[in-house]
C-alpha atoms as a PDB file:
ATOM      1  CA  MET A   1     -16.318 -43.631 -24.234  1.00  0.00           C
ATOM      2  CA  ALA A   2     -14.171 -46.020 -22.242  1.00  0.00           C
ATOM      3  CA  PRO A   3     -13.051 -44.937 -18.777  1.00  0.00           C
ATOM      4  CA  TRP A   4      -9.434 -43.951 -18.438  1.00  0.00           C
ATOM      5  CA  SER A   5      -7.092 -46.664 -17.261  1.00  0.00           C
ATOM      6  CA  ASN A   6      -3.334 -46.875 -17.061  1.00  0.00           C
ATOM      7  CA  GLU A   7      -3.563 -50.440 -18.395  1.00  0.00           C
ATOM      8  CA  ASN A   8      -4.219 -48.980 -21.843  1.00  0.00           C
ATOM      9  CA  LEU A   9      -0.886 -47.162 -21.761  1.00  0.00           C
ATOM     10  CA  GLY A  10       1.218 -50.319 -21.933  1.00  0.00           C
ATOM     11  CA  SER A  11       1.800 -49.962 -25.641  1.00  0.00           C
ATOM     12  CA  CYS A  12       3.064 -46.369 -25.315  1.00  0.00           C
ATOM     13  CA  ALA A  13       6.794 -45.919 -25.126  1.00  0.00           C
ATOM     14  CA  PHE A  14       8.013 -43.701 -22.288  1.00  0.00           C
ATOM     15  CA  VAL A  15      10.725 -41.222 -23.192  1.00  0.00           C
ATOM     16  CA  ASP A  16      12.435 -39.133 -20.529  1.00  0.00           C
ATOM     17  CA  PRO A  17      13.710 -35.989 -22.247  1.00  0.00           C
ATOM     18  CA  TYR A  18      15.888 -35.150 -19.233  1.00  0.00           C
ATOM     19  CA  ALA A  19      17.639 -38.493 -18.938  1.00  0.00           C
ATOM     20  CA  ALA A  20      21.380 -38.333 -19.649  1.00  0.00           C
ATOM     21  CA  HIS A  21      22.606 -40.838 -22.166  1.00  0.00           C
ATOM     22  CA  PRO A  22      26.292 -41.673 -21.615  1.00  0.00           C
ATOM     23  CA  ARG A  23      26.744 -42.812 -25.220  1.00  0.00           C
ATOM     24  CA  ASP A  24      25.717 -39.357 -26.475  1.00  0.00           C
ATOM     25  CA  ALA A  25      28.884 -37.234 -26.695  1.00  0.00           C
ATOM     26  CA  ALA A  26      26.940 -34.016 -27.272  1.00  0.00           C
ATOM     27  CA  TRP A  27      25.118 -34.196 -23.924  1.00  0.00           C
ATOM     28  CA  PRO A  28      24.015 -31.766 -22.532  1.00  0.00           C
ATOM     29  CA  VAL A  29      22.625 -29.963 -25.524  1.00  0.00           C
ATOM     30  CA  GLN A  30      22.690 -26.194 -25.257  1.00  0.00           C
ATOM     31  CA  ALA A  31      19.273 -24.578 -25.443  1.00  0.00           C
ATOM     32  CA  GLN A  32      18.588 -22.696 -28.636  1.00  0.00           C
ATOM     33  CA  PRO A  33      17.134 -19.171 -28.381  1.00  0.00           C
ATOM     34  CA  ARG A  34      13.415 -19.110 -29.157  1.00  0.00           C
ATOM     35  CA  ASP A  35      11.082 -16.309 -30.079  1.00  0.00           C
ATOM     36  CA  ASP A  36       8.274 -17.471 -27.759  1.00  0.00           C
ATOM     37  CA  VAL A  37      10.288 -17.116 -24.533  1.00  0.00           C
ATOM     38  CA  ASP A  38       8.746 -14.784 -21.970  1.00  0.00           C
ATOM     39  CA  TYR A  39      11.061 -12.044 -20.700  1.00  0.00           C
ATOM     40  CA  PHE A  40      10.829  -9.895 -17.602  1.00  0.00           C
ATOM     41  CA  LEU A  41       9.637  -6.347 -18.081  1.00  0.00           C
ATOM     42  CA  ALA A  42      12.028  -3.495 -17.599  1.00  0.00           C
ATOM     43  CA  PRO A  43      11.704  -1.702 -14.252  1.00  0.00           C
ATOM     44  CA  PRO A  44       9.327   1.252 -14.276  1.00  0.00           C
ATOM     45  CA  ASP A  45      10.699   4.713 -14.857  1.00  0.00           C
ATOM     46  CA  PRO A  46       9.942   6.915 -11.795  1.00  0.00           C
ATOM     47  CA  ALA A  47       9.798   9.982 -14.045  1.00  0.00           C
ATOM     48  CA  GLN A  48       6.773   8.524 -15.864  1.00  0.00           C
ATOM     49  CA  ARG A  49       4.705   7.947 -12.719  1.00  0.00           C
ATOM     50  CA  LEU A  50       1.374   9.657 -12.445  1.00  0.00           C
ATOM     51  CA  SER A  51       1.127  12.344  -9.819  1.00  0.00           C
ATOM     52  CA  TYR A  52      -2.183  11.165  -8.409  1.00  0.00           C
ATOM     53  CA  THR A  53      -3.065  11.274  -4.743  1.00  0.00           C
ATOM     54  CA  LEU A  54      -5.913   9.368  -3.145  1.00  0.00           C
ATOM     55  CA  ASP A  55      -8.590  10.939  -1.045  1.00  0.00           C
ATOM     56  CA  PRO A  56      -8.006  10.021   2.635  1.00  0.00           C
ATOM     57  CA  HIS A  57     -11.353   8.194   2.690  1.00  0.00           C
ATOM     58  CA  ASP A  58     -10.293   6.041  -0.268  1.00  0.00           C
ATOM     59  CA  GLN A  59      -6.868   5.415   1.270  1.00  0.00           C
ATOM     60  CA  ARG A  60      -8.488   4.232   4.536  1.00  0.00           C
ATOM     61  CA  ARG A  61     -10.865   2.004   2.549  1.00  0.00           C
ATOM     62  CA  LEU A  62      -7.973   0.369   0.676  1.00  0.00           C
ATOM     63  CA  ASP A  63      -5.979  -0.016   3.892  1.00  0.00           C
ATOM     64  CA  LEU A  64      -8.955  -1.662   5.589  1.00  0.00           C
ATOM     65  CA  HIS A  65      -9.382  -4.084   2.671  1.00  0.00           C
ATOM     66  CA  ALA A  66      -5.686  -4.979   2.917  1.00  0.00           C
ATOM     67  CA  ALA A  67      -5.820  -5.399   6.708  1.00  0.00           C
ATOM     68  CA  LEU A  68      -8.869  -7.658   6.514  1.00  0.00           C
ATOM     69  CA  THR A  69      -7.312  -9.765   3.782  1.00  0.00           C
ATOM     70  CA  ALA A  70      -4.001 -10.056   5.667  1.00  0.00           C
ATOM     71  CA  ALA A  71      -5.933 -11.150   8.769  1.00  0.00           C
ATOM     72  CA  GLY A  72      -7.490 -13.984   6.762  1.00  0.00           C
ATOM     73  CA  ILE A  73     -10.896 -12.302   6.441  1.00  0.00           C
ATOM     74  CA  PRO A  74     -11.221 -11.409   2.773  1.00  0.00           C
ATOM     75  CA  PRO A  75     -14.087  -8.921   2.319  1.00  0.00           C
ATOM     76  CA  MET A  76     -17.088 -10.226   0.454  1.00  0.00           C
ATOM     77  CA  PRO A  77     -18.832  -8.087  -2.183  1.00  0.00           C
ATOM     78  CA  GLU A  78     -21.766  -7.506   0.166  1.00  0.00           C
ATOM     79  CA  ASP A  79     -19.350  -6.005   2.728  1.00  0.00           C
ATOM     80  CA  ARG A  80     -18.548  -3.061   0.468  1.00  0.00           C
ATOM     81  CA  ALA A  81     -21.127  -0.698   2.005  1.00  0.00           C
ATOM     82  CA  VAL A  82     -20.003  -1.497   5.565  1.00  0.00           C
ATOM     83  CA  ILE A  83     -16.335  -0.988   4.701  1.00  0.00           C
ATOM     84  CA  ASP A  84     -17.225   2.302   3.039  1.00  0.00           C
ATOM     85  CA  GLN A  85     -19.051   3.483   6.188  1.00  0.00           C
ATOM     86  CA  ILE A  86     -16.184   2.409   8.451  1.00  0.00           C
ATOM     87  CA  SER A  87     -13.713   4.215   6.183  1.00  0.00           C
ATOM     88  CA  ALA A  88     -15.752   7.404   6.524  1.00  0.00           C
ATOM     89  CA  LEU A  89     -15.039   7.428  10.275  1.00  0.00           C
ATOM     90  CA  PRO A  90     -12.075   9.447  11.583  1.00  0.00           C
ATOM     91  CA  ALA A  91      -8.565   8.162  10.839  1.00  0.00           C
ATOM     92  CA  ASP A  92      -7.992   7.274  14.521  1.00  0.00           C
ATOM     93  CA  VAL A  93     -10.887   4.784  14.438  1.00  0.00           C
ATOM     94  CA  ASN A  94      -9.581   3.208  11.247  1.00  0.00           C
ATOM     95  CA  ASN A  95      -6.031   2.985  12.627  1.00  0.00           C
ATOM     96  CA  ALA A  96      -7.266   1.305  15.814  1.00  0.00           C
ATOM     97  CA  LEU A  97      -9.306  -1.203  13.816  1.00  0.00           C
ATOM     98  CA  GLN A  98      -6.325  -2.042  11.615  1.00  0.00           C
ATOM     99  CA  ARG A  99      -4.101  -2.404  14.681  1.00  0.00           C
ATOM    100  CA  TRP A 100      -6.617  -4.815  16.247  1.00  0.00           C
ATOM    101  CA  LEU A 101      -6.754  -6.859  13.047  1.00  0.00           C
ATOM    102  CA  HIS A 102      -2.969  -6.943  12.866  1.00  0.00           C
ATOM    103  CA  HIS A 103      -2.622  -8.206  16.457  1.00  0.00           C
ATOM    104  CA  ALA A 104      -5.456 -10.722  16.051  1.00  0.00           C
ATOM    105  CA  LEU A 105      -3.233 -12.907  13.880  1.00  0.00           C
END
């Protein structure tokens, strides 16, 4: 296989699909609706939300993950046990740790 080179592209014609052609009276052409266009989802319905509350230990664990990631220290998979042990400590300890991470930025 020959290595890629832009010298081999000399025979290819370059066509700019966005270039305006003054001789074309129909420019700009209106876009036609297509079936493969991606649309935004409708906003969620608050009445269909699940009424699920997290255990405080799990909430502190998620908050600690978020604080570490926001501080530029994304937790590694091997850090899971340590984060779980830290999250088991009282909420005051976890809040102080998150505050320190927030101010360390």
